[in-house]
C-alpha atoms as a PDB file:
ATOM      1  CA  MET A   1      87.610 -11.868 164.503  1.00  0.00           C
ATOM      2  CA  GLU A   2      85.297 -11.147 167.408  1.00  0.00           C
ATOM      3  CA  LEU A   3      81.553 -11.025 166.850  1.00  0.00           C
ATOM      4  CA  THR A   4      78.623 -10.852 169.244  1.00  0.00           C
ATOM      5  CA  ILE A   5      75.000 -11.355 168.259  1.00  0.00           C
ATOM      6  CA  LEU A   6      72.529  -9.192 170.187  1.00  0.00           C
ATOM      7  CA  GLN A   7      68.769  -9.645 170.517  1.00  0.00           C
ATOM      8  CA  THR A   8      66.077  -8.101 172.689  1.00  0.00           C
ATOM      9  CA  SER A   9      62.334  -7.901 173.203  1.00  0.00           C
ATOM     10  CA  ASP A  10      59.735  -6.801 175.698  1.00  0.00           C
ATOM     11  CA  ALA A  11      58.690  -9.336 178.328  1.00  0.00           C
ATOM     12  CA  PHE A  12      55.262 -10.063 176.908  1.00  0.00           C
ATOM     13  CA  LYS A  13      54.300  -9.419 173.289  1.00  0.00           C
ATOM     14  CA  TYR A  14      57.507 -10.523 171.570  1.00  0.00           C
ATOM     15  CA  SER A  15      59.129 -12.772 174.185  1.00  0.00           C
ATOM     16  CA  ARG A  16      57.744 -15.986 172.691  1.00  0.00           C
ATOM     17  CA  MET A  17      59.027 -14.939 169.268  1.00  0.00           C
ATOM     18  CA  LEU A  18      62.441 -14.167 170.745  1.00  0.00           C
ATOM     19  CA  ARG A  19      62.611 -17.627 172.314  1.00  0.00           C
ATOM     20  CA  ALA A  20      62.169 -19.119 168.837  1.00  0.00           C
ATOM     21  CA  THR A  21      64.572 -16.934 166.884  1.00  0.00           C
ATOM     22  CA  SER A  22      67.224 -16.964 169.616  1.00  0.00           C
ATOM     23  CA  ARG A  23      67.565 -20.713 169.110  1.00  0.00           C
ATOM     24  CA  THR A  24      69.035 -20.101 165.665  1.00  0.00           C
ATOM     25  CA  ALA A  25      71.270 -17.250 166.841  1.00  0.00           C
ATOM     26  CA  ILE A  26      72.640 -19.258 169.767  1.00  0.00           C
ATOM     27  CA  GLU A  27      73.233 -22.315 167.612  1.00  0.00           C
ATOM     28  CA  TYR A  28      74.965 -20.193 164.985  1.00  0.00           C
ATOM     29  CA  CYS A  29      77.238 -18.691 167.641  1.00  0.00           C
ATOM     30  CA  ARG A  30      77.994 -22.148 169.039  1.00  0.00           C
ATOM     31  CA  ARG A  31      79.009 -23.454 165.639  1.00  0.00           C
ATOM     32  CA  HIS A  32      81.191 -20.512 164.676  1.00  0.00           C
ATOM     33  CA  GLY A  33      82.711 -19.485 168.005  1.00  0.00           C
ATOM     34  CA  PHE A  34      80.821 -16.206 168.403  1.00  0.00           C
ATOM     35  CA  ALA A  35      79.193 -14.710 171.499  1.00  0.00           C
ATOM     36  CA  TYR A  36      75.495 -14.155 172.149  1.00  0.00           C
ATOM     37  CA  GLU A  37      73.676 -11.736 174.457  1.00  0.00           C
ATOM     38  CA  SER A  38      70.011 -10.875 174.882  1.00  0.00           C
ATOM     39  CA  PHE A  39      67.860  -8.705 177.085  1.00  0.00           C
ATOM     40  CA  VAL A  40      64.144  -8.990 177.871  1.00  0.00           C
ATOM     41  CA  GLY A  41      62.372  -5.907 179.199  1.00  0.00           C
ATOM     42  CA  VAL A  42      62.529  -2.152 178.593  1.00  0.00           C
ATOM     43  CA  LYS A  43      65.740  -0.314 179.432  1.00  0.00           C
ATOM     44  CA  ARG A  44      64.187   3.132 179.100  1.00  0.00           C
ATOM     45  CA  GLY A  45      60.523   3.843 178.540  1.00  0.00           C
ATOM     46  CA  PHE A  46      57.024   3.049 179.700  1.00  0.00           C
ATOM     47  CA  HIS A  47      55.541   0.724 177.069  1.00  0.00           C
ATOM     48  CA  GLY A  48      56.527  -2.635 175.643  1.00  0.00           C
ATOM     49  CA  ALA A  49      57.034  -1.168 172.184  1.00  0.00           C
ATOM     50  CA  GLN A  50      59.905   0.891 173.580  1.00  0.00           C
ATOM     51  CA  ALA A  51      61.963  -2.281 173.917  1.00  0.00           C
ATOM     52  CA  ALA A  52      62.909  -1.386 170.325  1.00  0.00           C
ATOM     53  CA  PHE A  53      65.311   1.174 171.827  1.00  0.00           C
ATOM     54  CA  ASN A  54      67.085  -1.514 173.859  1.00  0.00           C
ATOM     55  CA  ARG A  55      69.407  -2.207 170.943  1.00  0.00           C
ATOM     56  CA  ILE A  56      71.019   1.212 171.420  1.00  0.00           C
ATOM     57  CA  PHE A  57      71.823   0.456 175.062  1.00  0.00           C
ATOM     58  CA  LEU A  58      73.097  -3.047 174.279  1.00  0.00           C
ATOM     59  CA  LEU A  59      75.525  -1.631 171.729  1.00  0.00           C
ATOM     60  CA  GLU A  60      76.712   1.128 174.062  1.00  0.00           C
ATOM     61  CA  GLU A  61      77.191  -1.365 176.892  1.00  0.00           C
ATOM     62  CA  LEU A  62      79.515  -3.404 174.673  1.00  0.00           C
ATOM     63  CA  ILE A  63      81.504  -0.275 173.886  1.00  0.00           C
ATOM     64  CA  ASP A  64      81.716   0.724 177.549  1.00  0.00           C
ATOM     65  CA  ARG A  65      83.021  -2.758 178.418  1.00  0.00           C
ATOM     66  CA  GLY A  66      85.890  -2.237 176.003  1.00  0.00           C
ATOM     67  CA  TYR A  67      84.549  -4.565 173.312  1.00  0.00           C
ATOM     68  CA  ARG A  68      85.953  -3.678 169.888  1.00  0.00           C
ATOM     69  CA  GLY A  69      84.676  -6.464 167.663  1.00  0.00           C
ATOM     70  CA  TRP A  70      81.649  -6.703 165.410  1.00  0.00           C
ATOM     71  CA  ALA A  71      78.144  -6.570 166.869  1.00  0.00           C
ATOM     72  CA  LEU A  72      75.297  -8.113 164.902  1.00  0.00           C
ATOM     73  CA  TYR A  73      71.908  -6.963 166.103  1.00  0.00           C
ATOM     74  CA  MET A  74      68.823  -9.027 165.160  1.00  0.00           C
ATOM     75  CA  ASP A  75      65.209  -8.126 165.914  1.00  0.00           C
ATOM     76  CA  ALA A  76      63.056 -10.710 167.680  1.00  0.00           C
ATOM     77  CA  ASP A  77      61.414 -11.500 164.318  1.00  0.00           C
ATOM     78  CA  ALA A  78      64.767 -12.204 162.628  1.00  0.00           C
ATOM     79  CA  TYR A  79      66.357 -15.645 162.592  1.00  0.00           C
ATOM     80  CA  VAL A  80      69.461 -17.272 161.142  1.00  0.00           C
ATOM     81  CA  PHE A  81      68.355 -19.254 158.112  1.00  0.00           C
ATOM     82  CA  ASP A  82      71.754 -20.575 157.024  1.00  0.00           C
ATOM     83  CA  LEU A  83      73.570 -21.969 160.064  1.00  0.00           C
ATOM     84  CA  ASP A  84      76.663 -22.647 157.932  1.00  0.00           C
ATOM     85  CA  PHE A  85      77.009 -19.155 156.443  1.00  0.00           C
ATOM     86  CA  ASP A  86      80.685 -18.080 156.545  1.00  0.00           C
ATOM     87  CA  LEU A  87      80.350 -14.720 158.266  1.00  0.00           C
ATOM     88  CA  LYS A  88      84.075 -14.468 158.947  1.00  0.00           C
ATOM     89  CA  ALA A  89      84.763 -14.617 155.223  1.00  0.00           C
ATOM     90  CA  TYR A  90      82.003 -12.092 154.509  1.00  0.00           C
ATOM     91  CA  LEU A  91      83.410  -9.578 156.984  1.00  0.00           C
ATOM     92  CA  ALA A  92      87.087 -10.202 156.193  1.00  0.00           C
ATOM     93  CA  ASP A  93      87.363  -7.343 153.674  1.00  0.00           C
ATOM     94  CA  LYS A  94      85.042  -4.978 155.572  1.00  0.00           C
ATOM     95  CA  GLN A  95      87.172  -4.032 158.570  1.00  0.00           C
ATOM     96  CA  ASP A  96      87.363  -0.490 157.197  1.00  0.00           C
ATOM     97  CA  ARG A  97      83.559  -0.218 157.425  1.00  0.00           C
ATOM     98  CA  SER A  98      81.894   1.235 160.500  1.00  0.00           C
ATOM     99  CA  ALA A  99      78.575  -0.518 159.949  1.00  0.00           C
ATOM    100  CA  ILE A 100      76.663  -2.635 157.455  1.00  0.00           C
ATOM    101  CA  MET A 101      72.960  -2.004 156.907  1.00  0.00           C
ATOM    102  CA  THR A 102      70.341  -2.836 154.310  1.00  0.00           C
ATOM    103  CA  THR A 103      68.445  -0.307 152.239  1.00  0.00           C
ATOM    104  CA  ILE A 104      64.651  -0.597 152.399  1.00  0.00           C
ATOM    105  CA  PRO A 105      63.439  -1.986 149.050  1.00  0.00           C
ATOM    106  CA  GLY A 106      62.145   0.772 146.792  1.00  0.00           C
ATOM    107  CA  GLU A 107      64.023   3.558 148.563  1.00  0.00           C
ATOM    108  CA  THR A 108      66.422   5.604 146.436  1.00  0.00           C
ATOM    109  CA  THR A 109      68.455   6.884 149.381  1.00  0.00           C
ATOM    110  CA  PRO A 110      70.897   4.088 150.325  1.00  0.00           C
ATOM    111  CA  TRP A 111      70.892   5.036 154.021  1.00  0.00           C
ATOM    112  CA  HIS A 112      67.100   4.792 154.254  1.00  0.00           C
ATOM    113  CA  ILE A 113      67.644   1.585 156.154  1.00  0.00           C
ATOM    114  CA  ASN A 114      65.797  -1.176 157.977  1.00  0.00           C
ATOM    115  CA  SER A 115      67.096  -1.347 161.550  1.00  0.00           C
ATOM    116  CA  GLY A 116      65.856  -4.926 162.096  1.00  0.00           C
ATOM    117  CA  VAL A 117      69.267  -6.446 161.332  1.00  0.00           C
ATOM    118  CA  LEU A 118      72.386  -4.314 161.747  1.00  0.00           C
ATOM    119  CA  PHE A 119      76.137  -4.838 161.827  1.00  0.00           C
ATOM    120  CA  PHE A 120      78.287  -2.393 163.814  1.00  0.00           C
ATOM    121  CA  ASN A 121      82.063  -2.482 163.764  1.00  0.00           C
ATOM    122  CA  LEU A 122      82.837  -1.327 167.298  1.00  0.00           C
ATOM    123  CA  GLY A 123      86.534  -1.347 166.500  1.00  0.00           C
ATOM    124  CA  HIS A 124      85.952   1.519 164.062  1.00  0.00           C
ATOM    125  CA  PRO A 125      85.812   5.028 165.576  1.00  0.00           C
ATOM    126  CA  GLN A 126      82.888   6.019 163.395  1.00  0.00           C
ATOM    127  CA  GLY A 127      81.019   2.865 164.358  1.00  0.00           C
ATOM    128  CA  VAL A 128      81.321   3.924 167.979  1.00  0.00           C
ATOM    129  CA  ALA A 129      80.437   7.528 167.104  1.00  0.00           C
ATOM    130  CA  LEU A 130      77.294   6.391 165.277  1.00  0.00           C
ATOM    131  CA  VAL A 131      76.097   4.415 168.297  1.00  0.00           C
ATOM    132  CA  ARG A 132      76.789   7.402 170.570  1.00  0.00           C
ATOM    133  CA  GLU A 133      74.877   9.756 168.292  1.00  0.00           C
ATOM    134  CA  TRP A 134      71.969   7.317 168.068  1.00  0.00           C
ATOM    135  CA  LYS A 135      71.880   7.196 171.864  1.00  0.00           C
ATOM    136  CA  ARG A 136      72.079  11.007 172.129  1.00  0.00           C
ATOM    137  CA  ARG A 137      69.040  11.404 169.883  1.00  0.00           C
ATOM    138  CA  PHE A 138      67.014   8.938 171.915  1.00  0.00           C
ATOM    139  CA  MET A 139      67.960  10.480 175.242  1.00  0.00           C
ATOM    140  CA  ALA A 140      66.847  13.868 173.900  1.00  0.00           C
ATOM    141  CA  VAL A 141      63.270  12.555 173.830  1.00  0.00           C
ATOM    142  CA  PRO A 142      61.731  13.579 177.172  1.00  0.00           C
ATOM    143  CA  ASP A 143      59.956  11.089 179.404  1.00  0.00           C
ATOM    144  CA  GLN A 144      56.680  12.930 178.875  1.00  0.00           C
ATOM    145  CA  ARG A 145      56.937  12.190 175.150  1.00  0.00           C
ATOM    146  CA  LEU A 146      57.840   8.538 175.750  1.00  0.00           C
ATOM    147  CA  ARG A 147      54.685   8.114 177.819  1.00  0.00           C
ATOM    148  CA  THR A 148      52.638   8.928 174.697  1.00  0.00           C
ATOM    149  CA  LEU A 149      54.565   6.610 172.349  1.00  0.00           C
ATOM    150  CA  THR A 150      52.765   3.280 172.403  1.00  0.00           C
ATOM    151  CA  SER A 151      53.681   2.115 168.891  1.00  0.00           C
ATOM    152  CA  VAL A 152      56.995   1.556 167.094  1.00  0.00           C
ATOM    153  CA  TRP A 153      55.437   3.283 164.109  1.00  0.00           C
ATOM    154  CA  ASP A 154      55.314   6.695 165.803  1.00  0.00           C
ATOM    155  CA  HIS A 155      57.709   9.275 164.374  1.00  0.00           C
ATOM    156  CA  ASP A 156      60.102   9.066 167.329  1.00  0.00           C
ATOM    157  CA  ASN A 157      61.315   5.527 166.711  1.00  0.00           C
ATOM    158  CA  ASP A 158      64.750   3.929 166.662  1.00  0.00           C
ATOM    159  CA  GLN A 159      64.852   3.399 162.891  1.00  0.00           C
ATOM    160  CA  THR A 160      63.992   7.012 162.100  1.00  0.00           C
ATOM    161  CA  MET A 161      66.588   8.259 164.577  1.00  0.00           C
ATOM    162  CA  LEU A 162      69.297   6.111 163.010  1.00  0.00           C
ATOM    163  CA  TYR A 163      68.307   7.242 159.521  1.00  0.00           C
ATOM    164  CA  GLN A 164      68.401  10.881 160.588  1.00  0.00           C
ATOM    165  CA  ALA A 165      71.835  10.473 162.166  1.00  0.00           C
ATOM    166  CA  LEU A 166      73.148   9.076 158.876  1.00  0.00           C
ATOM    167  CA  ASP A 167      71.273  11.579 156.739  1.00  0.00           C
ATOM    168  CA  GLN A 168      72.448  14.644 158.635  1.00  0.00           C
ATOM    169  CA  ASP A 169      76.096  13.713 159.152  1.00  0.00           C
ATOM    170  CA  ALA A 170      78.143  12.732 156.112  1.00  0.00           C
ATOM    171  CA  GLY A 171      81.062  11.853 158.385  1.00  0.00           C
ATOM    172  CA  LEU A 172      79.011   9.140 160.084  1.00  0.00           C
ATOM    173  CA  ARG A 173      77.547   7.996 156.789  1.00  0.00           C
ATOM    174  CA  ALA A 174      80.695   7.733 154.670  1.00  0.00           C
ATOM    175  CA  PRO A 175      82.313   4.626 156.231  1.00  0.00           C
ATOM    176  CA  ALA A 176      79.030   2.709 156.515  1.00  0.00           C
ATOM    177  CA  LEU A 177      78.118   0.116 153.913  1.00  0.00           C
ATOM    178  CA  PHE A 178      74.555  -0.092 152.597  1.00  0.00           C
ATOM    179  CA  VAL A 179      73.674  -3.390 150.923  1.00  0.00           C
ATOM    180  CA  ASP A 180      70.806  -5.255 149.321  1.00  0.00           C
ATOM    181  CA  PRO A 181      68.448  -6.810 151.902  1.00  0.00           C
ATOM    182  CA  MET A 182      68.382 -10.234 150.239  1.00  0.00           C
ATOM    183  CA  LEU A 183      71.413 -11.346 152.231  1.00  0.00           C
ATOM    184  CA  PHE A 184      70.285 -10.671 155.787  1.00  0.00           C
ATOM    185  CA  ASN A 185      67.214  -8.458 156.039  1.00  0.00           C
ATOM    186  CA  HIS A 186      64.439 -10.054 154.005  1.00  0.00           C
ATOM    187  CA  HIS A 187      61.833 -12.762 154.571  1.00  0.00           C
ATOM    188  CA  GLN A 188      63.653 -14.788 151.904  1.00  0.00           C
ATOM    189  CA  GLY A 189      67.148 -13.742 152.999  1.00  0.00           C
ATOM    190  CA  LEU A 190      70.026 -16.078 152.212  1.00  0.00           C
ATOM    191  CA  PHE A 191      71.711 -15.768 155.621  1.00  0.00           C
ATOM    192  CA  ILE A 192      69.269 -14.095 158.018  1.00  0.00           C
ATOM    193  CA  ARG A 193      65.530 -13.874 157.433  1.00  0.00           C
ATOM    194  CA  GLN A 194      63.149 -11.375 158.976  1.00  0.00           C
ATOM    195  CA  LEU A 195      59.387 -11.809 158.977  1.00  0.00           C
ATOM    196  CA  LEU A 196      58.277  -8.195 159.199  1.00  0.00           C
ATOM    197  CA  ASN A 197      55.088  -6.915 160.752  1.00  0.00           C
ATOM    198  CA  SER A 198      54.183  -5.555 157.319  1.00  0.00           C
ATOM    199  CA  LEU A 199      53.977  -9.137 156.031  1.00  0.00           C
ATOM    200  CA  ASP A 200      51.751 -10.374 158.855  1.00  0.00           C
ATOM    201  CA  GLY A 201      50.326  -7.960 161.389  1.00  0.00           C
ATOM    202  CA  ASP A 202      48.924 -10.690 163.638  1.00  0.00           C
ATOM    203  CA  ILE A 203      51.544 -11.377 166.319  1.00  0.00           C
ATOM    204  CA  ASP A 204      50.377 -14.927 167.046  1.00  0.00           C
ATOM    205  CA  SER A 205      50.218 -15.855 163.371  1.00  0.00           C
ATOM    206  CA  ARG A 206      53.645 -14.382 162.718  1.00  0.00           C
ATOM    207  CA  THR A 207      55.134 -16.150 165.740  1.00  0.00           C
ATOM    208  CA  ASN A 208      53.630 -19.454 164.611  1.00  0.00           C
ATOM    209  CA  LYS A 209      55.227 -19.018 161.181  1.00  0.00           C
ATOM    210  CA  ILE A 210      58.590 -18.207 162.714  1.00  0.00           C
ATOM    211  CA  GLU A 211      58.443 -21.182 165.081  1.00  0.00           C
ATOM    212  CA  ALA A 212      57.648 -23.456 162.136  1.00  0.00           C
ATOM    213  CA  ALA A 213      60.531 -22.005 160.118  1.00  0.00           C
ATOM    214  CA  VAL A 214      62.941 -22.451 163.033  1.00  0.00           C
ATOM    215  CA  ALA A 215      61.785 -26.029 163.587  1.00  0.00           C
ATOM    216  CA  ASP A 216      62.401 -26.744 159.898  1.00  0.00           C
ATOM    217  CA  ILE A 217      65.915 -25.302 160.099  1.00  0.00           C
ATOM    218  CA  PHE A 218      66.821 -27.632 162.962  1.00  0.00           C
ATOM    219  CA  HIS A 219      65.097 -30.555 161.274  1.00  0.00           C
ATOM    220  CA  ARG A 220      67.219 -30.008 158.178  1.00  0.00           C
ATOM    221  CA  ALA A 221      70.326 -29.629 160.335  1.00  0.00           C
ATOM    222  CA  ALA A 222      69.563 -32.939 162.041  1.00  0.00           C
ATOM    223  CA  GLY A 223      69.131 -34.541 158.639  1.00  0.00           C
ATOM    224  CA  THR A 224      72.666 -33.535 157.656  1.00  0.00           C
ATOM    225  CA  GLY A 225      74.128 -34.782 160.907  1.00  0.00           C
ATOM    226  CA  SER A 226      74.573 -31.321 162.414  1.00  0.00           C
ATOM    227  CA  GLY A 227      73.387 -31.300 166.020  1.00  0.00           C
ATOM    228  CA  SER A 228      71.524 -28.409 167.635  1.00  0.00           C
ATOM    229  CA  VAL A 229      72.361 -26.775 170.935  1.00  0.00           C
ATOM    230  CA  GLU A 230      69.455 -28.714 172.481  1.00  0.00           C
ATOM    231  CA  ASP A 231      70.960 -32.002 171.244  1.00  0.00           C
ATOM    232  CA  ALA A 232      74.305 -31.037 172.765  1.00  0.00           C
ATOM    233  CA  VAL A 233      72.684 -30.232 176.119  1.00  0.00           C
ATOM    234  CA  VAL A 234      70.780 -33.539 176.200  1.00  0.00           C
ATOM    235  CA  SER A 235      73.934 -35.466 175.298  1.00  0.00           C
ATOM    236  CA  GLU A 236      75.789 -33.856 178.192  1.00  0.00           C
ATOM    237  CA  LEU A 237      72.919 -34.542 180.622  1.00  0.00           C
ATOM    238  CA  TYR A 238      72.966 -38.213 179.612  1.00  0.00           C
ATOM    239  CA  ARG A 239      76.687 -38.380 180.352  1.00  0.00           C
ATOM    240  CA  ILE A 240      76.299 -36.675 183.737  1.00  0.00           C
ATOM    241  CA  ILE A 241      73.157 -38.423 184.977  1.00  0.00           C
ATOM    242  CA  LEU A 242      72.991 -41.787 183.183  1.00  0.00           C
ATOM    243  CA  LYS A 243      76.765 -42.118 182.671  1.00  0.00           C
ATOM    244  CA  ARG A 244      76.402 -43.031 179.017  1.00  0.00           C
ATOM    245  CA  GLU A 245      75.910 -41.562 175.576  1.00  0.00           C
ATOM    246  CA  ALA A 246      72.423 -40.466 174.526  1.00  0.00           C
ATOM    247  CA  ASP A 247      70.461 -42.849 172.346  1.00  0.00           C
ATOM    248  CA  ARG A 248      68.058 -42.141 169.488  1.00  0.00           C
ATOM    249  CA  GLY A 249      65.133 -41.993 171.888  1.00  0.00           C
ATOM    250  CA  SER A 250      66.574 -38.835 173.442  1.00  0.00           C
ATOM    251  CA  VAL A 251      65.253 -36.701 170.577  1.00  0.00           C
ATOM    252  CA  GLY A 252      62.089 -36.162 172.594  1.00  0.00           C
ATOM    253  CA  TYR A 253      64.137 -34.441 175.297  1.00  0.00           C
ATOM    254  CA  SER A 254      65.726 -32.171 172.695  1.00  0.00           C
ATOM    255  CA  GLN A 255      62.305 -31.234 171.402  1.00  0.00           C
ATOM    256  CA  LEU A 256      61.119 -30.554 174.945  1.00  0.00           C
ATOM    257  CA  ILE A 257      63.984 -28.108 175.540  1.00  0.00           C
ATOM    258  CA  ALA A 258      63.352 -26.486 172.169  1.00  0.00           C
ATOM    259  CA  ALA A 259      59.679 -26.013 172.969  1.00  0.00           C
ATOM    260  CA  ARG A 260      60.140 -24.714 176.515  1.00  0.00           C
ATOM    261  CA  GLY A 261      63.431 -22.876 176.083  1.00  0.00           C
ATOM    262  CA  LEU A 262      66.743 -23.547 177.808  1.00  0.00           C
ATOM    263  CA  GLU A 263      65.740 -21.903 181.101  1.00  0.00           C
ATOM    264  CA  HIS A 264      62.666 -24.070 181.668  1.00  0.00           C
ATOM    265  CA  GLY A 265      63.394 -27.072 179.455  1.00  0.00           C
ATOM    266  CA  ILE A 266      66.726 -28.123 180.957  1.00  0.00           C
ATOM    267  CA  PRO A 267      65.462 -28.464 184.568  1.00  0.00           C
ATOM    268  CA  GLU A 268      62.517 -30.517 183.328  1.00  0.00           C
ATOM    269  CA  VAL A 269      64.760 -32.908 181.387  1.00  0.00           C
ATOM    270  CA  VAL A 270      67.052 -33.200 184.424  1.00  0.00           C
ATOM    271  CA  ARG A 271      64.029 -34.119 186.569  1.00  0.00           C
ATOM    272  CA  LEU A 272      62.834 -36.707 184.035  1.00  0.00           C
ATOM    273  CA  LEU A 273      66.260 -38.323 183.773  1.00  0.00           C
ATOM    274  CA  LEU A 274      66.728 -38.421 187.541  1.00  0.00           C
ATOM    275  CA  ASP A 275      63.305 -40.038 187.903  1.00  0.00           C
ATOM    276  CA  SER A 276      63.839 -42.514 185.057  1.00  0.00           C
ATOM    277  CA  PRO A 277      63.811 -46.267 185.810  1.00  0.00           C
ATOM    278  CA  GLU A 278      67.320 -46.512 184.372  1.00  0.00           C
ATOM    279  CA  HIS A 279      68.730 -43.906 186.759  1.00  0.00           C
ATOM    280  CA  ARG A 280      66.931 -45.355 189.793  1.00  0.00           C
ATOM    281  CA  ALA A 281      68.169 -48.841 188.926  1.00  0.00           C
ATOM    282  CA  ARG A 282      71.728 -47.564 188.584  1.00  0.00           C
ATOM    283  CA  ILE A 283      71.518 -45.818 191.965  1.00  0.00           C
ATOM    284  CA  ARG A 284      70.182 -49.006 193.598  1.00  0.00           C
ATOM    285  CA  ALA A 285      73.010 -50.978 192.052  1.00  0.00           C
ATOM    286  CA  GLU A 286      75.597 -48.506 193.327  1.00  0.00           C
ATOM    287  CA  VAL A 287      74.097 -48.570 196.816  1.00  0.00           C
ATOM    288  CA  ALA A 288      74.033 -52.373 196.735  1.00  0.00           C
ATOM    289  CA  ARG A 289      77.700 -52.421 195.802  1.00  0.00           C
ATOM    290  CA  ASP A 290      78.708 -49.987 198.530  1.00  0.00           C
ATOM    291  CA  ARG A 291      76.179 -50.917 201.267  1.00  0.00           C
ATOM    292  CA  PRO A 292      74.569 -54.292 200.601  1.00  0.00           C
ATOM    293  CA  GLU A 293      72.486 -54.156 203.805  1.00  0.00           C
ATOM    294  CA  ALA A 294      70.756 -50.925 202.646  1.00  0.00           C
ATOM    295  CA  VAL A 295      69.167 -52.444 199.545  1.00  0.00           C
ATOM    296  CA  PRO A 296      65.460 -53.314 199.853  1.00  0.00           C
ATOM    297  CA  ASP A 297      64.690 -56.965 199.239  1.00  0.00           C
ATOM    298  CA  GLY A 298      61.786 -56.048 196.944  1.00  0.00           C
ATOM    299  CA  ASN A 299      59.096 -56.975 199.522  1.00  0.00           C
ATOM    300  CA  GLY A 300      58.778 -53.545 201.119  1.00  0.00           C
END
């Protein structure tokens, strides 16, 4: 079974949050053999809030590339809580479903959904058709209108468009599965948790809470002997640079990568290892072995 996790955000307001939640998504993919893709920016629009529409383009791009597996979309404020959840087993009897979505608590219409976490079966013709219709509705919004939309809560938003597509077309709606949010679309979700804006409207406070939750997930994983992607990277850097296995003191490097993200954290750890006394001593020893006359005598 093929599955790709997708995430996106704007470059400013939600990018820090995405860096935190993507850690869990990437680690989950690493453990279970899935793929991961993300995009930072705005694919169509004029304001950061319009990054919410990126998910439509990411899904269509998978389709256009010929991908026919499952796509799991997660908002920047959604993170994998259970890194050991057996998603293959969960999806095994749902290949006849075009999509899996959660009904908003309190809503009586099952397809009144939360678009923060979505499953699309891109091997199902109606899964593809639903993505295409979602895209058609967004592209029908003129640029002039997009210039006035500065909030995701305006009427012309991605969630409303998806709901309307389902509501107005029984053919698109029939093969979709609408489930309780407690599995993957709730702040106490068993598999995926989402800390919604409605629970904490302060972006910095919400990001801090998410970062703490993510740190706790990896702390618990370390306690059970399950390594994170950062641990795996540090272990490989030790083998390449210091020619040995990482020791217990390397946890600080893992934390550095976690805090700064893979893009910025890895080069910094590489620099620190290359500049370490151990590495410099090893290089001197190798030079001494190969060219004894080139080794300083320690007096200059």
